[in-house]
N, C-alpha and C. Protein backbone atom coordinates (compact mmCIF):
# COMPACT_ATOMS: atom_id res chain seq x y z
N MET A 1 123.04 185.06 235.55
CA MET A 1 122.42 186.28 235.07
C MET A 1 120.95 186.02 234.81
N SER A 2 120.08 186.77 235.42
CA SER A 2 118.64 186.56 235.23
C SER A 2 118.19 187.24 233.96
N GLN A 3 117.15 186.66 233.35
CA GLN A 3 116.63 187.22 232.11
C GLN A 3 115.56 188.25 232.42
N ARG A 4 115.60 189.34 231.64
CA ARG A 4 114.60 190.40 231.77
C ARG A 4 113.46 190.11 230.82
N HIS A 5 112.35 190.73 231.10
CA HIS A 5 111.16 190.59 230.26
C HIS A 5 110.86 191.92 229.59
N LEU A 6 109.82 191.95 228.79
CA LEU A 6 109.45 193.14 228.04
C LEU A 6 109.47 194.38 228.92
N PRO A 7 110.01 195.48 228.36
CA PRO A 7 109.98 196.73 229.14
C PRO A 7 108.55 197.26 229.17
N PRO A 8 108.25 198.12 230.11
CA PRO A 8 106.91 198.72 230.13
C PRO A 8 106.67 199.46 228.81
N PRO A 9 105.41 199.53 228.35
CA PRO A 9 105.11 200.15 227.06
C PRO A 9 105.57 201.60 226.94
N HIS A 10 105.66 202.31 228.05
CA HIS A 10 106.04 203.72 228.01
C HIS A 10 107.55 203.91 227.87
N GLU A 11 108.33 202.85 228.07
CA GLU A 11 109.78 202.97 228.03
C GLU A 11 110.26 203.02 226.58
N ASP A 12 111.17 203.96 226.30
CA ASP A 12 111.74 204.10 224.96
C ASP A 12 112.75 202.99 224.75
N LEU A 13 112.48 202.15 223.77
CA LEU A 13 113.33 201.00 223.50
C LEU A 13 114.77 201.40 223.22
N LEU A 14 114.96 202.51 222.50
CA LEU A 14 116.32 202.94 222.16
C LEU A 14 117.10 203.44 223.37
N SER A 15 116.40 203.71 224.47
CA SER A 15 117.11 204.16 225.68
C SER A 15 117.69 202.97 226.46
N ILE A 16 117.31 201.76 226.05
CA ILE A 16 117.81 200.56 226.73
C ILE A 16 119.09 200.12 226.01
N PRO A 17 120.22 200.09 226.68
CA PRO A 17 121.46 199.65 226.02
C PRO A 17 121.31 198.23 225.46
N ALA A 18 121.97 197.98 224.34
CA ALA A 18 121.89 196.66 223.71
C ALA A 18 122.37 195.57 224.66
N THR A 19 123.32 195.91 225.52
CA THR A 19 123.80 194.90 226.49
C THR A 19 122.68 194.49 227.44
N GLU A 20 121.79 195.44 227.78
CA GLU A 20 120.64 195.10 228.62
C GLU A 20 119.59 194.34 227.82
N LEU A 21 119.37 194.76 226.56
CA LEU A 21 118.41 194.03 225.73
C LEU A 21 118.83 192.57 225.57
N ALA A 22 120.12 192.34 225.49
CA ALA A 22 120.62 190.97 225.33
C ALA A 22 120.25 190.10 226.52
N ALA A 23 119.96 190.72 227.65
CA ALA A 23 119.59 189.96 228.85
C ALA A 23 118.10 189.61 228.86
N PHE A 24 117.33 190.14 227.93
CA PHE A 24 115.90 189.83 227.87
C PHE A 24 115.71 188.38 227.45
N ASP A 25 114.61 187.81 227.88
CA ASP A 25 114.32 186.43 227.48
C ASP A 25 113.99 186.41 225.98
N ALA A 26 114.13 185.25 225.37
CA ALA A 26 113.95 185.09 223.92
C ALA A 26 112.56 185.52 223.47
N ARG A 27 111.53 185.18 224.24
CA ARG A 27 110.16 185.55 223.87
C ARG A 27 110.00 187.08 223.82
N SER A 28 110.57 187.78 224.80
CA SER A 28 110.48 189.24 224.83
C SER A 28 111.21 189.84 223.63
N LEU A 29 112.40 189.32 223.31
CA LEU A 29 113.14 189.81 222.15
C LEU A 29 112.35 189.56 220.87
N PHE A 30 111.73 188.38 220.78
CA PHE A 30 110.89 188.07 219.62
C PHE A 30 109.75 189.08 219.50
N GLN A 31 109.08 189.36 220.62
CA GLN A 31 107.96 190.30 220.61
C GLN A 31 108.42 191.71 220.25
N LEU A 32 109.56 192.14 220.80
CA LEU A 32 110.08 193.47 220.48
C LEU A 32 110.44 193.58 219.00
N LYS A 33 111.08 192.54 218.49
CA LYS A 33 111.47 192.56 217.07
C LYS A 33 110.23 192.53 216.18
N THR A 34 109.24 191.75 216.53
CA THR A 34 108.00 191.68 215.75
C THR A 34 107.28 193.02 215.76
N LEU A 35 107.18 193.65 216.93
CA LEU A 35 106.55 194.97 217.02
C LEU A 35 107.29 196.01 216.18
N ALA A 36 108.62 195.98 216.26
CA ALA A 36 109.42 196.93 215.49
C ALA A 36 109.26 196.69 213.99
N ALA A 37 109.25 195.42 213.58
CA ALA A 37 109.07 195.10 212.16
C ALA A 37 107.69 195.53 211.68
N ASP A 38 106.67 195.37 212.53
CA ASP A 38 105.32 195.82 212.17
C ASP A 38 105.27 197.34 212.01
N ARG A 39 105.93 198.06 212.94
CA ARG A 39 105.96 199.53 212.83
C ARG A 39 106.71 199.96 211.58
N LEU A 40 107.79 199.25 211.25
CA LEU A 40 108.56 199.57 210.04
C LEU A 40 107.71 199.33 208.79
N ALA A 41 106.99 198.22 208.74
CA ALA A 41 106.14 197.94 207.58
C ALA A 41 105.05 199.00 207.44
N THR A 42 104.48 199.40 208.56
CA THR A 42 103.45 200.45 208.53
C THR A 42 104.05 201.76 208.04
N ALA A 43 105.24 202.12 208.55
CA ALA A 43 105.89 203.36 208.14
C ALA A 43 106.21 203.32 206.64
N LYS A 44 106.69 202.19 206.13
CA LYS A 44 106.99 202.07 204.71
C LYS A 44 105.71 202.22 203.88
N ALA A 45 104.63 201.61 204.33
CA ALA A 45 103.36 201.72 203.61
C ALA A 45 102.87 203.18 203.62
N GLU A 46 103.05 203.87 204.74
CA GLU A 46 102.65 205.28 204.82
C GLU A 46 103.49 206.13 203.86
N VAL A 47 104.80 205.88 203.81
CA VAL A 47 105.67 206.63 202.90
C VAL A 47 105.26 206.36 201.46
N ASP A 48 104.99 205.10 201.10
CA ASP A 48 104.54 204.77 199.74
C ASP A 48 103.24 205.49 199.41
N HIS A 49 102.33 205.55 200.36
CA HIS A 49 101.04 206.21 200.17
C HIS A 49 101.23 207.71 199.92
N ILE A 50 102.10 208.32 200.71
CA ILE A 50 102.38 209.75 200.54
C ILE A 50 103.09 209.98 199.20
N GLU A 51 104.04 209.11 198.84
CA GLU A 51 104.73 209.23 197.54
C GLU A 51 103.71 209.16 196.39
N HIS A 52 102.73 208.30 196.52
CA HIS A 52 101.68 208.19 195.49
C HIS A 52 100.90 209.52 195.40
N ALA A 53 100.57 210.08 196.55
CA ALA A 53 99.86 211.36 196.57
C ALA A 53 100.71 212.47 195.96
N LEU A 54 102.00 212.50 196.29
CA LEU A 54 102.90 213.50 195.70
C LEU A 54 102.98 213.34 194.19
N ASN A 55 103.01 212.10 193.73
CA ASN A 55 103.04 211.84 192.29
C ASN A 55 101.76 212.37 191.63
N LEU A 56 100.62 212.10 192.25
CA LEU A 56 99.35 212.61 191.71
C LEU A 56 99.34 214.14 191.67
N LYS A 57 99.89 214.75 192.71
CA LYS A 57 99.86 216.21 192.84
C LYS A 57 100.85 216.91 191.91
N TYR A 58 102.05 216.34 191.73
CA TYR A 58 103.12 217.07 191.08
C TYR A 58 103.64 216.48 189.77
N ALA A 59 103.24 215.29 189.39
CA ALA A 59 103.83 214.63 188.21
C ALA A 59 103.63 215.45 186.93
N GLU A 60 102.44 215.97 186.72
CA GLU A 60 102.17 216.72 185.49
C GLU A 60 102.99 218.01 185.43
N ARG A 61 103.10 218.69 186.57
CA ARG A 61 103.89 219.92 186.60
C ARG A 61 105.36 219.62 186.32
N ALA A 62 105.86 218.55 186.93
CA ALA A 62 107.25 218.16 186.71
C ALA A 62 107.47 217.74 185.25
N LYS A 63 106.51 217.00 184.69
CA LYS A 63 106.61 216.58 183.29
C LYS A 63 106.68 217.80 182.37
N HIS A 64 105.82 218.78 182.64
CA HIS A 64 105.81 220.00 181.83
C HIS A 64 107.17 220.71 181.91
N LEU A 65 107.72 220.83 183.11
CA LEU A 65 109.00 221.51 183.28
C LEU A 65 110.13 220.75 182.57
N ARG A 66 110.07 219.42 182.59
CA ARG A 66 111.06 218.64 181.85
C ARG A 66 110.93 218.87 180.35
N GLN A 67 109.67 218.90 179.86
CA GLN A 67 109.45 219.14 178.43
C GLN A 67 109.99 220.52 178.03
N VAL A 68 109.72 221.53 178.84
CA VAL A 68 110.22 222.88 178.56
C VAL A 68 111.75 222.88 178.52
N ALA A 69 112.35 222.06 179.39
CA ALA A 69 113.81 221.97 179.43
C ALA A 69 114.37 221.04 178.36
N GLY A 70 113.48 220.39 177.59
CA GLY A 70 113.92 219.50 176.52
C GLY A 70 114.48 218.18 177.00
N LYS A 71 113.93 217.67 178.09
CA LYS A 71 114.41 216.39 178.60
C LYS A 71 113.23 215.50 179.01
N ASP A 72 113.43 214.19 178.91
CA ASP A 72 112.39 213.22 179.26
C ASP A 72 112.50 212.73 180.69
N SER A 73 113.66 212.89 181.28
CA SER A 73 113.89 212.40 182.63
C SER A 73 114.80 213.38 183.34
N GLY A 74 115.08 213.09 184.61
CA GLY A 74 115.98 213.93 185.38
C GLY A 74 115.26 214.75 186.43
N VAL A 75 115.98 215.71 186.98
CA VAL A 75 115.52 216.51 188.12
C VAL A 75 115.01 217.87 187.66
N VAL A 76 113.89 218.28 188.21
CA VAL A 76 113.39 219.65 188.05
C VAL A 76 112.99 220.16 189.43
N HIS A 77 113.06 221.48 189.58
CA HIS A 77 112.72 222.12 190.86
C HIS A 77 111.62 223.14 190.61
N PHE A 78 110.70 223.24 191.56
CA PHE A 78 109.69 224.28 191.52
C PHE A 78 109.15 224.49 192.92
N ASP A 79 108.48 225.60 193.11
CA ASP A 79 107.95 225.93 194.43
C ASP A 79 106.44 225.77 194.44
N ASP A 80 105.93 225.31 195.57
CA ASP A 80 104.50 225.27 195.83
C ASP A 80 104.30 225.96 197.16
N GLY A 81 103.89 227.21 197.09
CA GLY A 81 103.78 227.99 198.32
C GLY A 81 105.16 228.17 198.92
N GLU A 82 105.30 227.78 200.16
CA GLU A 82 106.59 227.93 200.84
C GLU A 82 107.41 226.66 200.83
N VAL A 83 107.07 225.73 199.95
CA VAL A 83 107.79 224.45 199.87
C VAL A 83 108.47 224.33 198.52
N ARG A 84 109.76 224.02 198.53
CA ARG A 84 110.52 223.74 197.31
C ARG A 84 110.36 222.26 196.98
N ILE A 85 109.91 221.98 195.77
CA ILE A 85 109.71 220.61 195.30
C ILE A 85 110.87 220.26 194.38
N THR A 86 111.51 219.16 194.64
CA THR A 86 112.53 218.61 193.75
C THR A 86 111.97 217.31 193.22
N ALA A 87 111.65 217.28 191.94
CA ALA A 87 111.04 216.10 191.32
C ALA A 87 112.09 215.40 190.47
N ASP A 88 112.32 214.15 190.76
CA ASP A 88 113.32 213.37 190.04
C ASP A 88 112.65 212.19 189.34
N LEU A 89 112.90 212.05 188.07
CA LEU A 89 112.44 210.91 187.29
C LEU A 89 113.70 210.29 186.69
N PRO A 90 114.26 209.29 187.37
CA PRO A 90 115.54 208.74 186.92
C PRO A 90 115.42 208.02 185.57
N LYS A 91 116.50 208.06 184.84
CA LYS A 91 116.56 207.37 183.55
C LYS A 91 117.09 205.96 183.77
N LYS A 92 116.46 204.98 183.15
CA LYS A 92 116.92 203.60 183.22
C LYS A 92 117.22 203.14 181.79
N VAL A 93 118.47 202.91 181.51
CA VAL A 93 118.88 202.48 180.18
C VAL A 93 119.10 200.97 180.20
N GLU A 94 118.51 200.28 179.24
CA GLU A 94 118.72 198.85 179.08
C GLU A 94 119.34 198.61 177.72
N TRP A 95 120.17 197.59 177.65
CA TRP A 95 120.87 197.27 176.41
C TRP A 95 120.46 195.88 175.94
N ASP A 96 120.16 195.76 174.67
CA ASP A 96 119.81 194.48 174.05
C ASP A 96 121.06 193.60 174.06
N GLN A 97 121.01 192.56 174.87
CA GLN A 97 122.20 191.73 175.06
C GLN A 97 122.63 191.01 173.78
N ALA A 98 121.68 190.55 172.97
CA ALA A 98 122.02 189.85 171.72
C ALA A 98 122.72 190.80 170.75
N LEU A 99 122.21 192.02 170.63
CA LEU A 99 122.85 192.96 169.72
C LEU A 99 124.23 193.37 170.22
N LEU A 100 124.37 193.53 171.52
CA LEU A 100 125.69 193.85 172.06
C LEU A 100 126.65 192.69 171.88
N ALA A 101 126.16 191.48 172.02
CA ALA A 101 127.02 190.32 171.79
C ALA A 101 127.49 190.29 170.34
N ASN A 102 126.59 190.63 169.42
CA ASN A 102 126.95 190.69 168.00
C ASN A 102 128.02 191.76 167.78
N LEU A 103 127.84 192.91 168.38
CA LEU A 103 128.84 193.97 168.25
C LEU A 103 130.18 193.54 168.85
N ASP A 104 130.11 192.87 169.99
CA ASP A 104 131.33 192.40 170.63
C ASP A 104 132.05 191.42 169.72
N ALA A 105 131.28 190.52 169.09
CA ALA A 105 131.87 189.52 168.19
C ALA A 105 132.51 190.19 166.98
N ARG A 106 131.87 191.21 166.45
CA ARG A 106 132.44 191.92 165.30
C ARG A 106 133.72 192.66 165.70
N ILE A 107 133.70 193.25 166.90
CA ILE A 107 134.86 194.02 167.35
C ILE A 107 136.04 193.09 167.64
N ALA A 108 135.75 191.98 168.28
CA ALA A 108 136.81 191.02 168.65
C ALA A 108 136.67 189.77 167.79
N ALA A 109 136.82 189.92 166.49
CA ALA A 109 136.53 188.84 165.53
C ALA A 109 137.53 187.70 165.54
N ASN A 110 138.48 187.69 166.42
CA ASN A 110 139.42 186.57 166.46
C ASN A 110 139.34 185.84 167.79
N GLY A 111 139.82 184.60 167.85
CA GLY A 111 139.83 183.81 169.08
C GLY A 111 138.52 183.09 169.32
N ASP A 112 138.48 182.36 170.42
CA ASP A 112 137.28 181.61 170.80
C ASP A 112 136.18 182.55 171.29
N ASN A 113 134.97 182.05 171.22
CA ASN A 113 133.82 182.81 171.70
C ASN A 113 133.65 182.53 173.20
N PRO A 114 133.90 183.51 174.04
CA PRO A 114 133.79 183.27 175.49
C PRO A 114 132.37 182.92 175.93
N ARG A 115 131.35 183.24 175.13
CA ARG A 115 129.98 182.91 175.50
C ARG A 115 129.69 181.41 175.45
N GLU A 116 130.62 180.62 174.89
CA GLU A 116 130.48 179.17 174.95
C GLU A 116 130.75 178.64 176.34
N PHE A 117 131.48 179.44 177.14
CA PHE A 117 131.91 178.99 178.46
C PHE A 117 131.26 179.76 179.60
N ILE A 118 130.91 181.02 179.36
CA ILE A 118 130.37 181.86 180.44
C ILE A 118 129.18 182.67 179.93
N ASP A 119 128.36 183.10 180.85
CA ASP A 119 127.29 184.04 180.53
C ASP A 119 127.83 185.45 180.70
N VAL A 120 127.52 186.29 179.77
CA VAL A 120 128.03 187.66 179.81
C VAL A 120 126.84 188.61 179.78
N SER A 121 126.89 189.62 180.62
CA SER A 121 125.90 190.68 180.58
C SER A 121 126.63 191.95 180.19
N TYR A 122 126.17 192.56 179.13
CA TYR A 122 126.82 193.77 178.64
C TYR A 122 126.10 194.99 179.18
N ARG A 123 126.89 195.98 179.53
CA ARG A 123 126.37 197.27 179.94
C ARG A 123 127.26 198.33 179.31
N VAL A 124 126.68 199.44 179.06
CA VAL A 124 127.44 200.57 178.54
C VAL A 124 127.17 201.75 179.46
N SER A 125 128.23 202.34 179.96
CA SER A 125 128.09 203.52 180.81
C SER A 125 127.41 204.62 180.02
N GLU A 126 126.37 205.20 180.59
CA GLU A 126 125.65 206.28 179.91
C GLU A 126 126.54 207.50 179.73
N THR A 127 127.43 207.74 180.66
CA THR A 127 128.37 208.86 180.55
C THR A 127 129.31 208.66 179.37
N LYS A 128 129.84 207.44 179.25
CA LYS A 128 130.73 207.15 178.12
C LYS A 128 129.97 207.21 176.81
N PHE A 129 128.77 206.60 176.79
CA PHE A 129 127.96 206.59 175.58
C PHE A 129 127.71 208.02 175.08
N SER A 130 127.37 208.90 176.00
CA SER A 130 127.09 210.29 175.64
C SER A 130 128.32 211.02 175.11
N ALA A 131 129.50 210.56 175.52
CA ALA A 131 130.74 211.23 175.11
C ALA A 131 131.28 210.70 173.78
N TRP A 132 130.76 209.58 173.30
CA TRP A 132 131.26 208.98 172.05
C TRP A 132 130.95 209.87 170.86
N ALA A 133 131.73 209.69 169.82
CA ALA A 133 131.44 210.35 168.55
C ALA A 133 130.13 209.76 168.00
N SER A 134 129.39 210.58 167.27
CA SER A 134 128.07 210.13 166.80
C SER A 134 128.15 208.88 165.93
N ALA A 135 129.20 208.70 165.15
CA ALA A 135 129.32 207.50 164.30
C ALA A 135 129.37 206.24 165.15
N LEU A 136 130.07 206.29 166.27
CA LEU A 136 130.14 205.13 167.16
C LEU A 136 128.80 204.94 167.88
N ARG A 137 128.22 206.03 168.37
CA ARG A 137 126.92 205.95 169.06
C ARG A 137 125.86 205.33 168.16
N GLU A 138 125.85 205.70 166.89
CA GLU A 138 124.84 205.19 165.94
C GLU A 138 124.86 203.67 165.87
N GLN A 139 126.03 203.06 165.99
CA GLN A 139 126.12 201.60 165.94
C GLN A 139 125.47 200.94 167.16
N PHE A 140 125.50 201.63 168.27
CA PHE A 140 125.00 201.07 169.53
C PHE A 140 123.53 201.38 169.79
N ILE A 141 122.98 202.38 169.16
CA ILE A 141 121.61 202.82 169.43
C ILE A 141 120.58 201.70 169.28
N PRO A 142 120.68 200.79 168.28
CA PRO A 142 119.68 199.72 168.20
C PRO A 142 119.67 198.79 169.41
N ALA A 143 120.76 198.75 170.17
CA ALA A 143 120.85 197.87 171.34
C ALA A 143 120.43 198.58 172.62
N ARG A 144 120.04 199.84 172.52
CA ARG A 144 119.78 200.68 173.69
C ARG A 144 118.30 200.99 173.82
N THR A 145 117.77 200.79 175.03
CA THR A 145 116.40 201.17 175.35
C THR A 145 116.44 202.08 176.56
N VAL A 146 115.78 203.21 176.48
CA VAL A 146 115.75 204.14 177.61
C VAL A 146 114.37 204.09 178.24
N LYS A 147 114.35 203.81 179.52
CA LYS A 147 113.12 203.82 180.31
C LYS A 147 113.32 204.79 181.45
N VAL A 148 112.25 205.12 182.13
CA VAL A 148 112.36 205.97 183.31
C VAL A 148 112.02 205.15 184.54
N GLY A 149 112.60 205.53 185.65
CA GLY A 149 112.35 204.84 186.91
C GLY A 149 111.16 205.43 187.65
N LYS A 150 111.06 205.09 188.90
CA LYS A 150 109.97 205.57 189.75
C LYS A 150 110.23 207.03 190.12
N PRO A 151 109.24 207.89 189.91
CA PRO A 151 109.45 209.30 190.27
C PRO A 151 109.57 209.47 191.78
N SER A 152 110.36 210.45 192.17
CA SER A 152 110.47 210.75 193.60
C SER A 152 110.39 212.26 193.78
N PHE A 153 109.97 212.66 194.95
CA PHE A 153 109.80 214.08 195.26
C PHE A 153 110.43 214.36 196.62
N ARG A 154 111.26 215.38 196.70
CA ARG A 154 111.81 215.83 197.98
C ARG A 154 111.18 217.19 198.27
N LEU A 155 110.82 217.40 199.50
CA LEU A 155 110.18 218.66 199.90
C LEU A 155 111.08 219.36 200.91
N ALA A 156 111.23 220.67 200.76
CA ALA A 156 112.02 221.44 201.71
C ALA A 156 111.33 222.78 201.92
N LEU A 157 111.21 223.18 203.17
CA LEU A 157 110.64 224.50 203.47
C LEU A 157 111.60 225.57 202.97
N LEU A 158 111.06 226.56 202.28
CA LEU A 158 111.91 227.64 201.77
C LEU A 158 112.38 228.54 202.91
N SER A 159 111.50 228.81 203.87
CA SER A 159 111.90 229.60 205.04
C SER A 159 110.88 229.39 206.13
N GLU A 160 111.32 229.62 207.32
CA GLU A 160 110.43 229.48 208.48
C GLU A 160 109.78 230.80 208.78
């Protein structure tokens, strides 16, 4: 089986079956993969740049709508001309591991301490935490830190 070389620049790479690509020489495959990785890096950088611009354009409006709704994070929707903007600021909850370990020790006050043998990372489901009675939640609040994640914006045309 003879080895093929790089396809002409005008040829769509995705139109070449993988079985045919496998017949390309190693150097050609290396070049194709390097070119594709470079295009991917450029596309990711362009998306990040546009996301930054969207954040500059819409962050304050989204923040205001969240404040009006009485929330610090989450999704809000608004229109800009004929484009529907969905702005999401995800909530990131972190738990103080030492305080949770203390709570765990108080709750399970008998037997050996498993932390002598293993490392434990405690997490509390935000859904469960929100559903707890306030007396139980109050005990856990000192171990809880709420942060927000990276804002994101989805755009959709309202109509053509």
